[in-house]
């Protein structure tokens, strides 16, 4: 079947734009969240801000493990179950790595980490979902 080509500007603007995969955006946001968590913690304890990566690396490793284990590229902004699983994996692996490398794992730090990373990792997912719903008009 032959269809004529329409090179008019109207036809070009009506053509669907290719969608960018969401997972790279989600991955960058997650890394930013972990770095923000580490920076805020270092600031709260008056530690050298240049040591953010020293504080963040166990949680970044846990984040990478969570992304691989829970196949997040399939639904990177889903708060449940992917977001919750990623949060738990990030904190658990981060704490294990901190313990293995002689960094602190005091119960109060574990609780603060659970709260802050939970709020940030799940909060960004909920915000993105809400924004997408608003943009769709629903």
N, C-alpha and C. Protein backbone atom coordinates (compact mmCIF):
# COMPACT_ATOMS: atom_id res chain seq x y z
N UNK A 1 0.84 -1.17 0.00
CA UNK A 1 0.00 0.00 0.00
C UNK A 1 0.88 1.24 0.00
N UNK A 2 0.59 2.17 -0.85
CA UNK A 2 1.38 3.39 -0.98
C UNK A 2 0.68 4.52 -0.23
N UNK A 3 1.42 5.21 0.63
CA UNK A 3 0.86 6.38 1.31
C UNK A 3 1.70 7.59 0.96
N UNK A 4 1.06 8.71 0.65
CA UNK A 4 1.84 9.90 0.32
C UNK A 4 2.52 10.45 1.56
N UNK A 5 3.68 11.02 1.35
CA UNK A 5 4.42 11.63 2.45
C UNK A 5 3.98 13.07 2.59
N UNK A 6 3.81 13.50 3.79
CA UNK A 6 3.44 14.88 4.06
C UNK A 6 4.61 15.53 4.78
N UNK A 7 5.28 16.46 4.12
CA UNK A 7 6.44 17.13 4.70
C UNK A 7 6.06 18.47 5.33
N UNK A 8 4.79 18.71 5.51
CA UNK A 8 4.38 20.00 6.08
C UNK A 8 4.78 20.08 7.55
N UNK A 9 4.97 21.31 8.06
CA UNK A 9 5.31 21.47 9.47
C UNK A 9 4.25 20.88 10.39
N UNK A 10 2.97 20.97 9.97
CA UNK A 10 1.90 20.43 10.80
C UNK A 10 2.05 18.92 10.96
N UNK A 11 2.39 18.24 9.90
CA UNK A 11 2.56 16.79 9.97
C UNK A 11 3.75 16.43 10.84
N UNK A 12 4.81 17.22 10.75
CA UNK A 12 5.99 16.93 11.57
C UNK A 12 5.70 17.12 13.05
N UNK A 13 4.91 18.15 13.38
CA UNK A 13 4.62 18.38 14.80
C UNK A 13 3.63 17.36 15.34
N UNK A 14 2.82 16.77 14.48
CA UNK A 14 1.84 15.78 14.92
C UNK A 14 2.46 14.40 15.11
N UNK A 15 3.63 14.20 14.55
CA UNK A 15 4.28 12.89 14.67
C UNK A 15 4.67 12.64 16.13
N UNK A 16 4.47 11.43 16.60
CA UNK A 16 4.84 11.15 18.00
C UNK A 16 6.34 11.25 18.20
N UNK A 17 6.72 11.86 19.31
CA UNK A 17 8.14 11.97 19.63
C UNK A 17 8.58 10.67 20.29
N UNK A 18 9.78 10.23 19.95
CA UNK A 18 10.26 9.01 20.61
C UNK A 18 10.45 9.27 22.10
N UNK A 19 10.06 8.31 22.92
CA UNK A 19 10.17 8.45 24.36
C UNK A 19 11.56 8.07 24.83
N UNK A 20 12.07 8.87 25.72
CA UNK A 20 13.35 8.57 26.34
C UNK A 20 13.10 7.54 27.44
N UNK A 21 13.91 6.50 27.52
CA UNK A 21 13.70 5.53 28.61
C UNK A 21 13.81 6.23 29.96
N UNK A 22 12.94 5.84 30.88
CA UNK A 22 12.88 6.49 32.19
C UNK A 22 13.99 6.03 33.13
N UNK A 23 14.53 4.83 32.91
CA UNK A 23 15.46 4.29 33.91
C UNK A 23 16.75 5.10 34.06
N UNK A 24 17.33 5.69 32.99
CA UNK A 24 18.54 6.49 33.24
C UNK A 24 18.25 7.70 34.12
N UNK A 25 17.10 8.31 33.94
CA UNK A 25 16.72 9.46 34.77
C UNK A 25 16.56 9.01 36.22
N UNK A 26 15.89 7.88 36.41
CA UNK A 26 15.69 7.35 37.77
C UNK A 26 17.03 7.01 38.42
N UNK A 27 17.94 6.42 37.66
CA UNK A 27 19.24 6.05 38.22
C UNK A 27 20.02 7.29 38.65
N UNK A 28 20.00 8.33 37.83
CA UNK A 28 20.71 9.57 38.18
C UNK A 28 20.07 10.20 39.42
N UNK A 29 18.75 10.22 39.48
CA UNK A 29 18.07 10.76 40.66
C UNK A 29 18.43 9.97 41.92
N UNK A 30 18.49 8.65 41.80
CA UNK A 30 18.83 7.82 42.96
C UNK A 30 20.25 8.10 43.44
N UNK A 31 21.18 8.21 42.52
CA UNK A 31 22.56 8.53 42.91
C UNK A 31 22.60 9.91 43.57
N UNK A 32 21.88 10.87 43.01
CA UNK A 32 21.84 12.21 43.60
C UNK A 32 21.25 12.18 45.01
N UNK A 33 20.24 11.35 45.21
CA UNK A 33 19.62 11.21 46.53
C UNK A 33 20.62 10.67 47.55
N UNK A 34 21.37 9.65 47.17
CA UNK A 34 22.36 9.07 48.09
C UNK A 34 23.46 10.09 48.39
N UNK A 35 23.90 10.81 47.37
CA UNK A 35 24.93 11.84 47.60
C UNK A 35 24.40 12.96 48.49
N UNK A 36 23.14 13.34 48.29
CA UNK A 36 22.53 14.36 49.15
C UNK A 36 22.45 13.87 50.59
N UNK A 37 22.05 12.63 50.79
CA UNK A 37 22.00 12.03 52.12
C UNK A 37 23.37 12.12 52.80
N UNK A 38 24.41 11.72 52.07
CA UNK A 38 25.77 11.74 52.63
C UNK A 38 26.22 13.17 52.93
N UNK A 39 25.93 14.09 52.03
CA UNK A 39 26.33 15.49 52.23
C UNK A 39 25.61 16.10 53.43
N UNK A 40 24.32 15.83 53.57
CA UNK A 40 23.57 16.35 54.71
C UNK A 40 24.08 15.78 56.02
N UNK A 41 24.40 14.50 56.01
CA UNK A 41 24.93 13.86 57.22
C UNK A 41 26.28 14.44 57.61
N UNK A 42 27.12 14.64 56.65
CA UNK A 42 28.45 15.20 56.95
C UNK A 42 28.31 16.63 57.45
N UNK A 43 27.39 17.37 56.87
CA UNK A 43 27.19 18.76 57.33
C UNK A 43 26.63 18.78 58.75
N UNK A 44 25.68 17.90 59.04
CA UNK A 44 25.07 17.85 60.37
C UNK A 44 26.10 17.53 61.46
N UNK A 45 27.13 16.79 61.08
CA UNK A 45 28.17 16.41 62.05
C UNK A 45 29.44 17.23 61.89
N UNK A 46 29.36 18.32 61.14
CA UNK A 46 30.49 19.23 60.92
C UNK A 46 31.73 18.49 60.41
N UNK A 47 31.51 17.55 59.50
CA UNK A 47 32.63 16.82 58.89
C UNK A 47 33.00 17.49 57.58
N UNK A 48 34.21 17.22 57.13
CA UNK A 48 34.72 17.79 55.89
C UNK A 48 33.79 17.42 54.72
N UNK A 49 33.23 18.41 54.02
CA UNK A 49 32.33 18.10 52.92
C UNK A 49 33.01 17.36 51.77
N UNK A 50 34.33 17.42 51.70
CA UNK A 50 35.04 16.70 50.64
C UNK A 50 35.00 15.19 50.83
N UNK A 51 34.57 14.73 51.99
CA UNK A 51 34.49 13.30 52.26
C UNK A 51 33.15 12.68 51.93
N UNK A 52 32.33 13.38 51.13
CA UNK A 52 30.99 12.87 50.81
C UNK A 52 31.06 11.48 50.18
N UNK A 53 31.99 11.28 49.26
CA UNK A 53 32.08 9.96 48.62
C UNK A 53 32.50 8.87 49.61
N UNK A 54 33.30 9.23 50.58
CA UNK A 54 33.70 8.26 51.61
C UNK A 54 32.47 7.78 52.38
N UNK A 55 31.56 8.70 52.67
CA UNK A 55 30.34 8.35 53.37
C UNK A 55 29.35 7.65 52.44
N UNK A 56 29.27 8.10 51.21
CA UNK A 56 28.24 7.62 50.28
C UNK A 56 28.54 6.28 49.64
N UNK A 57 29.82 5.90 49.48
CA UNK A 57 30.12 4.74 48.65
C UNK A 57 29.44 3.45 49.09
N UNK A 58 29.31 3.15 50.40
CA UNK A 58 28.63 1.90 50.74
C UNK A 58 27.16 1.90 50.29
N UNK A 59 26.53 3.06 50.37
CA UNK A 59 25.13 3.16 49.97
C UNK A 59 24.98 3.20 48.46
N UNK A 60 25.96 3.77 47.77
CA UNK A 60 25.95 3.73 46.31
C UNK A 60 26.11 2.29 45.82
N UNK A 61 26.97 1.53 46.50
CA UNK A 61 27.12 0.11 46.15
C UNK A 61 25.82 -0.64 46.42
N UNK A 62 25.18 -0.36 47.55
CA UNK A 62 23.89 -0.97 47.85
C UNK A 62 22.82 -0.58 46.84
N UNK A 63 22.86 0.65 46.40
CA UNK A 63 21.93 1.13 45.38
C UNK A 63 22.12 0.36 44.08
N UNK A 64 23.37 0.19 43.67
CA UNK A 64 23.67 -0.56 42.44
C UNK A 64 23.20 -2.00 42.57
N UNK A 65 23.44 -2.60 43.72
CA UNK A 65 22.97 -3.97 43.97
C UNK A 65 21.45 -4.03 43.85
N UNK A 66 20.78 -3.07 44.45
CA UNK A 66 19.32 -3.03 44.39
C UNK A 66 18.80 -2.86 42.98
N UNK A 67 19.43 -1.99 42.21
CA UNK A 67 19.01 -1.81 40.82
C UNK A 67 19.13 -3.11 40.04
N UNK A 68 20.22 -3.84 40.27
CA UNK A 68 20.42 -5.10 39.55
C UNK A 68 19.47 -6.18 40.06
N UNK A 69 19.34 -6.29 41.36
CA UNK A 69 18.55 -7.37 41.95
C UNK A 69 17.06 -7.24 41.66
N UNK A 70 16.57 -6.02 41.67
CA UNK A 70 15.12 -5.82 41.55
C UNK A 70 14.69 -5.41 40.16
N UNK A 71 15.59 -5.49 39.19
CA UNK A 71 15.27 -5.19 37.79
C UNK A 71 14.54 -3.86 37.64
N UNK A 72 15.10 -2.84 38.23
CA UNK A 72 14.45 -1.54 38.22
C UNK A 72 14.25 -0.91 36.85
N UNK A 73 15.07 -1.21 35.85
CA UNK A 73 14.80 -0.59 34.55
C UNK A 73 13.39 -0.89 34.02
N UNK A 74 12.76 -1.96 34.49
CA UNK A 74 11.40 -2.29 34.02
C UNK A 74 10.36 -1.31 34.56
N UNK A 75 10.51 -0.86 35.79
CA UNK A 75 9.57 0.08 36.42
C UNK A 75 10.34 0.97 37.38
N UNK A 76 11.20 1.84 36.86
CA UNK A 76 12.13 2.56 37.72
C UNK A 76 11.50 3.53 38.71
N UNK A 77 10.30 4.00 38.43
CA UNK A 77 9.67 4.97 39.33
C UNK A 77 8.53 4.36 40.15
N UNK A 78 8.41 3.05 40.15
CA UNK A 78 7.36 2.40 40.94
C UNK A 78 7.74 2.43 42.42
N UNK A 79 6.92 3.08 43.26
CA UNK A 79 7.24 3.09 44.69
C UNK A 79 7.11 1.70 45.31
N UNK A 80 6.13 0.95 44.83
CA UNK A 80 5.89 -0.39 45.37
C UNK A 80 5.81 -1.38 44.23
N UNK A 81 6.44 -2.49 44.29
CA UNK A 81 7.38 -2.95 45.32
C UNK A 81 8.82 -2.54 45.04
N UNK A 82 9.10 -2.09 43.80
CA UNK A 82 10.49 -1.80 43.43
C UNK A 82 11.14 -0.74 44.32
N UNK A 83 10.47 0.36 44.55
CA UNK A 83 11.05 1.43 45.35
C UNK A 83 11.36 1.00 46.78
N UNK A 84 10.43 0.28 47.38
CA UNK A 84 10.63 -0.19 48.75
C UNK A 84 11.77 -1.22 48.79
N UNK A 85 11.81 -2.12 47.81
CA UNK A 85 12.89 -3.11 47.76
C UNK A 85 14.24 -2.43 47.55
N UNK A 86 14.28 -1.42 46.70
CA UNK A 86 15.53 -0.68 46.47
C UNK A 86 15.98 0.01 47.74
N UNK A 87 15.07 0.66 48.43
CA UNK A 87 15.36 1.34 49.70
C UNK A 87 15.95 0.35 50.70
N UNK A 88 15.28 -0.78 50.90
CA UNK A 88 15.75 -1.78 51.87
C UNK A 88 17.12 -2.32 51.49
N UNK A 89 17.32 -2.61 50.21
CA UNK A 89 18.60 -3.14 49.75
C UNK A 89 19.71 -2.11 49.90
N UNK A 90 19.43 -0.87 49.56
CA UNK A 90 20.42 0.20 49.68
C UNK A 90 20.89 0.35 51.11
N UNK A 91 19.94 0.39 52.05
CA UNK A 91 20.29 0.57 53.46
C UNK A 91 20.99 -0.67 54.00
N UNK A 92 20.43 -1.86 53.74
CA UNK A 92 21.02 -3.09 54.29
C UNK A 92 22.44 -3.31 53.77
N UNK A 93 22.62 -3.23 52.47
CA UNK A 93 23.96 -3.44 51.90
C UNK A 93 24.91 -2.34 52.35
N UNK A 94 24.42 -1.11 52.41
CA UNK A 94 25.26 0.00 52.87
C UNK A 94 25.74 -0.21 54.29
N UNK A 95 24.87 -0.68 55.16
CA UNK A 95 25.25 -0.92 56.55
C UNK A 95 26.24 -2.08 56.67
N UNK A 96 26.01 -3.13 55.90
CA UNK A 96 26.95 -4.27 55.92
C UNK A 96 28.33 -3.80 55.46
N UNK A 97 28.38 -3.05 54.39
CA UNK A 97 29.67 -2.56 53.89
C UNK A 97 30.33 -1.60 54.88
N UNK A 98 29.54 -0.77 55.54
CA UNK A 98 30.11 0.12 56.56
C UNK A 98 30.69 -0.70 57.70
N UNK A 99 29.99 -1.73 58.13
CA UNK A 99 30.48 -2.58 59.22
C UNK A 99 31.76 -3.30 58.82
N UNK A 100 31.80 -3.81 57.59
CA UNK A 100 32.98 -4.53 57.12
C UNK A 100 34.20 -3.64 56.97
N UNK A 101 33.99 -2.34 56.79
CA UNK A 101 35.11 -1.41 56.61
C UNK A 101 35.37 -0.55 57.84
N UNK A 102 34.77 -0.91 58.95
CA UNK A 102 35.04 -0.22 60.20
C UNK A 102 34.36 1.13 60.35
N UNK A 103 33.36 1.40 59.54
CA UNK A 103 32.61 2.65 59.68
C UNK A 103 31.45 2.41 60.65
N UNK A 104 30.89 3.47 61.15
CA UNK A 104 29.86 3.37 62.17
C UNK A 104 28.53 2.80 61.69
N UNK A 105 27.93 1.98 62.56
CA UNK A 105 26.59 1.44 62.31
C UNK A 105 25.76 1.50 63.59
N UNK A 106 25.90 2.59 64.32
CA UNK A 106 25.14 2.76 65.56
C UNK A 106 23.65 2.68 65.25
N UNK A 107 22.86 2.13 66.18
CA UNK A 107 21.41 2.01 65.94
C UNK A 107 20.76 3.34 65.55
N UNK A 108 21.18 4.43 66.15
CA UNK A 108 20.60 5.73 65.79
C UNK A 108 20.92 6.08 64.34
N UNK A 109 22.13 5.75 63.88
CA UNK A 109 22.51 6.01 62.49
C UNK A 109 21.68 5.15 61.54
N UNK A 110 21.46 3.89 61.92
CA UNK A 110 20.64 3.00 61.08
C UNK A 110 19.23 3.57 60.95
N UNK A 111 18.66 4.03 62.06
CA UNK A 111 17.30 4.59 62.03
C UNK A 111 17.23 5.87 61.19
N UNK A 112 18.21 6.74 61.36
CA UNK A 112 18.23 7.97 60.57
C UNK A 112 18.39 7.64 59.09
N UNK A 113 19.26 6.69 58.78
CA UNK A 113 19.47 6.27 57.40
C UNK A 113 18.19 5.71 56.80
N UNK A 114 17.51 4.85 57.54
CA UNK A 114 16.23 4.30 57.07
C UNK A 114 15.24 5.42 56.77
N UNK A 115 15.14 6.36 57.69
CA UNK A 115 14.18 7.45 57.52
C UNK A 115 14.51 8.38 56.37
N UNK A 116 15.75 8.82 56.33
CA UNK A 116 16.14 9.81 55.31
C UNK A 116 16.16 9.18 53.92
N UNK A 117 16.82 8.03 53.77
CA UNK A 117 16.85 7.40 52.44
C UNK A 117 15.46 6.93 52.03
N UNK A 118 14.66 6.49 52.98
CA UNK A 118 13.28 6.11 52.65
C UNK A 118 12.50 7.30 52.13
N UNK A 119 12.58 8.41 52.84
CA UNK A 119 11.86 9.61 52.41
C UNK A 119 12.35 10.09 51.04
N UNK A 120 13.66 10.06 50.83
CA UNK A 120 14.20 10.57 49.57
C UNK A 120 13.99 9.61 48.40
N UNK A 121 14.30 8.33 48.58
CA UNK A 121 14.14 7.37 47.48
C UNK A 121 12.67 7.17 47.12
N UNK A 122 11.82 7.04 48.13
CA UNK A 122 10.40 6.85 47.84
C UNK A 122 9.73 8.17 47.48
N UNK A 123 10.17 9.24 48.12
CA UNK A 123 9.59 10.55 47.82
C UNK A 123 9.80 10.99 46.39
N UNK A 124 10.99 10.75 45.85
CA UNK A 124 11.22 11.12 44.44
C UNK A 124 10.33 10.30 43.52
N UNK A 125 10.15 9.03 43.84
CA UNK A 125 9.28 8.18 43.01
C UNK A 125 7.83 8.65 43.06
N UNK A 126 7.36 8.97 44.25
CA UNK A 126 5.99 9.46 44.39
C UNK A 126 5.82 10.80 43.68
N UNK A 127 6.82 11.68 43.79
CA UNK A 127 6.74 12.98 43.13
C UNK A 127 6.72 12.83 41.61
N UNK A 128 7.54 11.94 41.07
CA UNK A 128 7.56 11.72 39.62
C UNK A 128 6.23 11.15 39.16
N UNK A 129 5.68 10.21 39.91
CA UNK A 129 4.38 9.62 39.55
C UNK A 129 3.28 10.69 39.58
N UNK A 130 3.29 11.53 40.60
CA UNK A 130 2.30 12.60 40.71
C UNK A 130 2.45 13.59 39.57
N UNK A 131 3.68 13.97 39.26
CA UNK A 131 3.92 14.89 38.15
C UNK A 131 3.44 14.30 36.83
N UNK A 132 3.70 13.02 36.61
CA UNK A 132 3.25 12.36 35.38
C UNK A 132 1.72 12.36 35.31
N UNK A 133 1.07 12.12 36.42
CA UNK A 133 -0.39 12.11 36.45
C UNK A 133 -0.95 13.50 36.14
N UNK A 134 -0.34 14.52 36.72
CA UNK A 134 -0.78 15.90 36.48
C UNK A 134 -0.59 16.27 35.01
N UNK A 135 0.54 15.88 34.45
CA UNK A 135 0.83 16.20 33.04
C UNK A 135 -0.13 15.49 32.09
N UNK A 136 -0.60 14.30 32.49
CA UNK A 136 -1.58 13.57 31.67
C UNK A 136 -2.98 14.14 31.83
N UNK A 137 -3.15 14.98 32.86
CA UNK A 137 -4.46 15.56 33.09
C UNK A 137 -5.37 14.69 33.93
N UNK A 138 -4.78 13.76 34.67
CA UNK A 138 -5.61 12.84 35.47
C UNK A 138 -5.24 12.93 36.85
